[in-house]
Amino acid sequence: MYFPARRIHLPNFRKQSAVGRERPEIPLCKDVRGGEIGEKKLTELEAIFREDKRKAIRDTIRNRVERYETGVKLRADQLEQATIKERKAYELLQNAGQLRKK
């Protein structure tokens, strides 16, 4: 059975008038438009954005390292448990062999 594709009509927001809609005013935009922003303010804003970016990168790297360390610890615990179980299985096998001989 064939079902034709239905067209979905999305509103074109660019054609709508901005009258009646309030846009939140960002202080930085007001400063830039009014010509009130100076070199000092711009330098401060660049420093803030640069520091935020560095912080985000540091946090990302820190999270990756923590996940890796957690995975390594988990794997080490699994290997330790496997070794203990293997030793126990070997001892039980030896005991079973001695019981068979009796």
C-alpha atoms as a PDB file:
ATOM      1  CA  MET A   1       0.000   0.000   0.000  1.00  0.00           C
ATOM      2  CA  TYR A   2       1.361   3.450  -0.896  1.00  0.00           C
ATOM      3  CA  PHE A   3       0.882   6.455   1.323  1.00  0.00           C
ATOM      4  CA  PRO A   4       1.865   9.775  -0.225  1.00  0.00           C
ATOM      5  CA  ALA A   5       4.091  11.994   1.856  1.00  0.00           C
ATOM      6  CA  ARG A   6       2.252  14.815   3.544  1.00  0.00           C
ATOM      7  CA  ARG A   7       3.672  18.272   3.398  1.00  0.00           C
ATOM      8  CA  ILE A   8       4.181  19.971   6.698  1.00  0.00           C
ATOM      9  CA  HIS A   9       3.769  23.710   6.598  1.00  0.00           C
ATOM     10  CA  LEU A  10       5.926  25.504   9.130  1.00  0.00           C
ATOM     11  CA  PRO A  11       5.332  29.146   9.855  1.00  0.00           C
ATOM     12  CA  ASN A  12       7.901  31.533   8.475  1.00  0.00           C
ATOM     13  CA  PHE A  13       8.837  33.654  11.452  1.00  0.00           C
ATOM     14  CA  ARG A  14      10.865  36.108   9.362  1.00  0.00           C
ATOM     15  CA  LYS A  15       7.727  37.326   7.573  1.00  0.00           C
ATOM     16  CA  GLN A  16       5.838  37.990  10.793  1.00  0.00           C
ATOM     17  CA  SER A  17       5.823  41.461  12.193  1.00  0.00           C
ATOM     18  CA  ALA A  18       7.786  42.142  15.364  1.00  0.00           C
ATOM     19  CA  VAL A  19       5.039  44.475  16.563  1.00  0.00           C
ATOM     20  CA  GLY A  20       3.544  43.293  19.813  1.00  0.00           C
ATOM     21  CA  ARG A  21       6.422  40.978  20.663  1.00  0.00           C
ATOM     22  CA  GLU A  22       8.810  42.145  23.326  1.00  0.00           C
ATOM     23  CA  ARG A  23      12.426  41.150  23.087  1.00  0.00           C
ATOM     24  CA  PRO A  24      14.469  41.029  26.259  1.00  0.00           C
ATOM     25  CA  GLU A  25      17.099  43.718  26.173  1.00  0.00           C
ATOM     26  CA  ILE A  26      20.615  42.521  26.881  1.00  0.00           C
ATOM     27  CA  PRO A  27      22.736  45.157  28.641  1.00  0.00           C
ATOM     28  CA  LEU A  28      25.697  44.481  26.372  1.00  0.00           C
ATOM     29  CA  CYS A  29      23.589  45.149  23.269  1.00  0.00           C
ATOM     30  CA  LYS A  30      22.414  48.431  24.748  1.00  0.00           C
ATOM     31  CA  ASP A  31      26.016  49.456  25.436  1.00  0.00           C
ATOM     32  CA  VAL A  32      27.148  48.550  21.940  1.00  0.00           C
ATOM     33  CA  ARG A  33      24.253  50.245  20.163  1.00  0.00           C
ATOM     34  CA  GLY A  34      24.544  53.421  22.206  1.00  0.00           C
ATOM     35  CA  GLY A  35      28.279  53.601  21.679  1.00  0.00           C
ATOM     36  CA  GLU A  36      28.788  53.535  25.444  1.00  0.00           C
ATOM     37  CA  ILE A  37      31.088  50.526  25.493  1.00  0.00           C
ATOM     38  CA  GLY A  38      34.719  51.317  25.917  1.00  0.00           C
ATOM     39  CA  GLU A  39      37.951  49.459  25.454  1.00  0.00           C
ATOM     40  CA  LYS A  40      38.089  48.555  29.154  1.00  0.00           C
ATOM     41  CA  LYS A  41      34.573  47.067  29.155  1.00  0.00           C
ATOM     42  CA  LEU A  42      35.281  45.139  25.967  1.00  0.00           C
ATOM     43  CA  THR A  43      38.517  43.755  27.429  1.00  0.00           C
ATOM     44  CA  GLU A  44      36.670  42.685  30.582  1.00  0.00           C
ATOM     45  CA  LEU A  45      33.989  40.908  28.540  1.00  0.00           C
ATOM     46  CA  GLU A  46      36.594  39.147  26.396  1.00  0.00           C
ATOM     47  CA  ALA A  47      38.393  37.995  29.561  1.00  0.00           C
ATOM     48  CA  ILE A  48      35.142  36.667  31.011  1.00  0.00           C
ATOM     49  CA  PHE A  49      34.268  34.736  27.855  1.00  0.00           C
ATOM     50  CA  ARG A  50      37.815  33.420  27.503  1.00  0.00           C
ATOM     51  CA  GLU A  51      37.844  32.280  31.153  1.00  0.00           C
ATOM     52  CA  ASP A  52      34.421  30.631  30.786  1.00  0.00           C
ATOM     53  CA  LYS A  53      35.658  28.761  27.727  1.00  0.00           C
ATOM     54  CA  ARG A  54      38.798  27.647  29.569  1.00  0.00           C
ATOM     55  CA  LYS A  55      36.721  26.581  32.555  1.00  0.00           C
ATOM     56  CA  ALA A  56      34.418  24.541  30.325  1.00  0.00           C
ATOM     57  CA  ILE A  57      37.423  22.852  28.697  1.00  0.00           C
ATOM     58  CA  ARG A  58      38.986  22.153  32.109  1.00  0.00           C
ATOM     59  CA  ASP A  59      35.708  20.700  33.392  1.00  0.00           C
ATOM     60  CA  THR A  60      35.372  18.518  30.314  1.00  0.00           C
ATOM     61  CA  ILE A  61      38.911  17.200  30.654  1.00  0.00           C
ATOM     62  CA  ARG A  62      38.451  16.675  34.400  1.00  0.00           C
ATOM     63  CA  ASN A  63      35.252  14.685  33.787  1.00  0.00           C
ATOM     64  CA  ARG A  64      36.949  12.543  31.146  1.00  0.00           C
ATOM     65  CA  VAL A  65      39.894  11.820  33.455  1.00  0.00           C
ATOM     66  CA  GLU A  66      37.565  10.932  36.324  1.00  0.00           C
ATOM     67  CA  ARG A  67      35.579   8.556  34.099  1.00  0.00           C
ATOM     68  CA  TYR A  68      38.813   6.957  32.882  1.00  0.00           C
ATOM     69  CA  GLU A  69      40.113   6.545  36.447  1.00  0.00           C
ATOM     70  CA  THR A  70      36.800   5.056  37.548  1.00  0.00           C
ATOM     71  CA  GLY A  71      36.930   2.606  34.630  1.00  0.00           C
ATOM     72  CA  VAL A  72      40.512   1.618  35.443  1.00  0.00           C
ATOM     73  CA  LYS A  73      39.640   1.038  39.116  1.00  0.00           C
ATOM     74  CA  LEU A  74      36.585  -0.998  38.146  1.00  0.00           C
ATOM     75  CA  ARG A  75      38.638  -3.113  35.739  1.00  0.00           C
ATOM     76  CA  ALA A  76      41.342  -3.652  38.390  1.00  0.00           C
ATOM     77  CA  ASP A  77      38.686  -4.798  40.880  1.00  0.00           C
ATOM     78  CA  GLN A  78      37.215  -7.161  38.282  1.00  0.00           C
ATOM     79  CA  LEU A  79      40.633  -8.651  37.540  1.00  0.00           C
ATOM     80  CA  GLU A  80      41.333  -9.076  41.250  1.00  0.00           C
ATOM     81  CA  GLN A  81      37.997 -10.818  41.768  1.00  0.00           C
ATOM     82  CA  ALA A  82      38.661 -13.045  38.748  1.00  0.00           C
ATOM     83  CA  THR A  83      42.071 -14.012  40.144  1.00  0.00           C
ATOM     84  CA  ILE A  84      40.562 -14.851  43.546  1.00  0.00           C
ATOM     85  CA  LYS A  85      37.830 -16.961  41.936  1.00  0.00           C
ATOM     86  CA  GLU A  86      40.369 -18.716  39.726  1.00  0.00           C
ATOM     87  CA  ARG A  87      42.503 -19.625  42.758  1.00  0.00           C
ATOM     88  CA  LYS A  88      39.423 -20.871  44.600  1.00  0.00           C
ATOM     89  CA  ALA A  89      38.370 -22.948  41.578  1.00  0.00           C
ATOM     90  CA  TYR A  90      41.873 -24.454  41.354  1.00  0.00           C
ATOM     91  CA  GLU A  91      41.778 -25.376  45.069  1.00  0.00           C
ATOM     92  CA  LEU A  92      38.343 -26.974  44.657  1.00  0.00           C
ATOM     93  CA  LEU A  93      39.615 -28.908  41.631  1.00  0.00           C
ATOM     94  CA  GLN A  94      42.573 -30.180  43.669  1.00  0.00           C
ATOM     95  CA  ASN A  95      40.251 -31.184  46.528  1.00  0.00           C
ATOM     96  CA  ALA A  96      37.936 -32.975  44.072  1.00  0.00           C
ATOM     97  CA  GLY A  97      40.927 -34.869  42.622  1.00  0.00           C
ATOM     98  CA  GLN A  98      42.034 -35.980  46.100  1.00  0.00           C
ATOM     99  CA  LEU A  99      38.478 -37.125  46.952  1.00  0.00           C
ATOM    100  CA  ARG A 100      38.295 -39.162  43.741  1.00  0.00           C
ATOM    101  CA  LYS A 101      41.513 -41.004  44.619  1.00  0.00           C
ATOM    102  CA  LYS A 102      40.134 -42.081  47.997  1.00  0.00           C
END
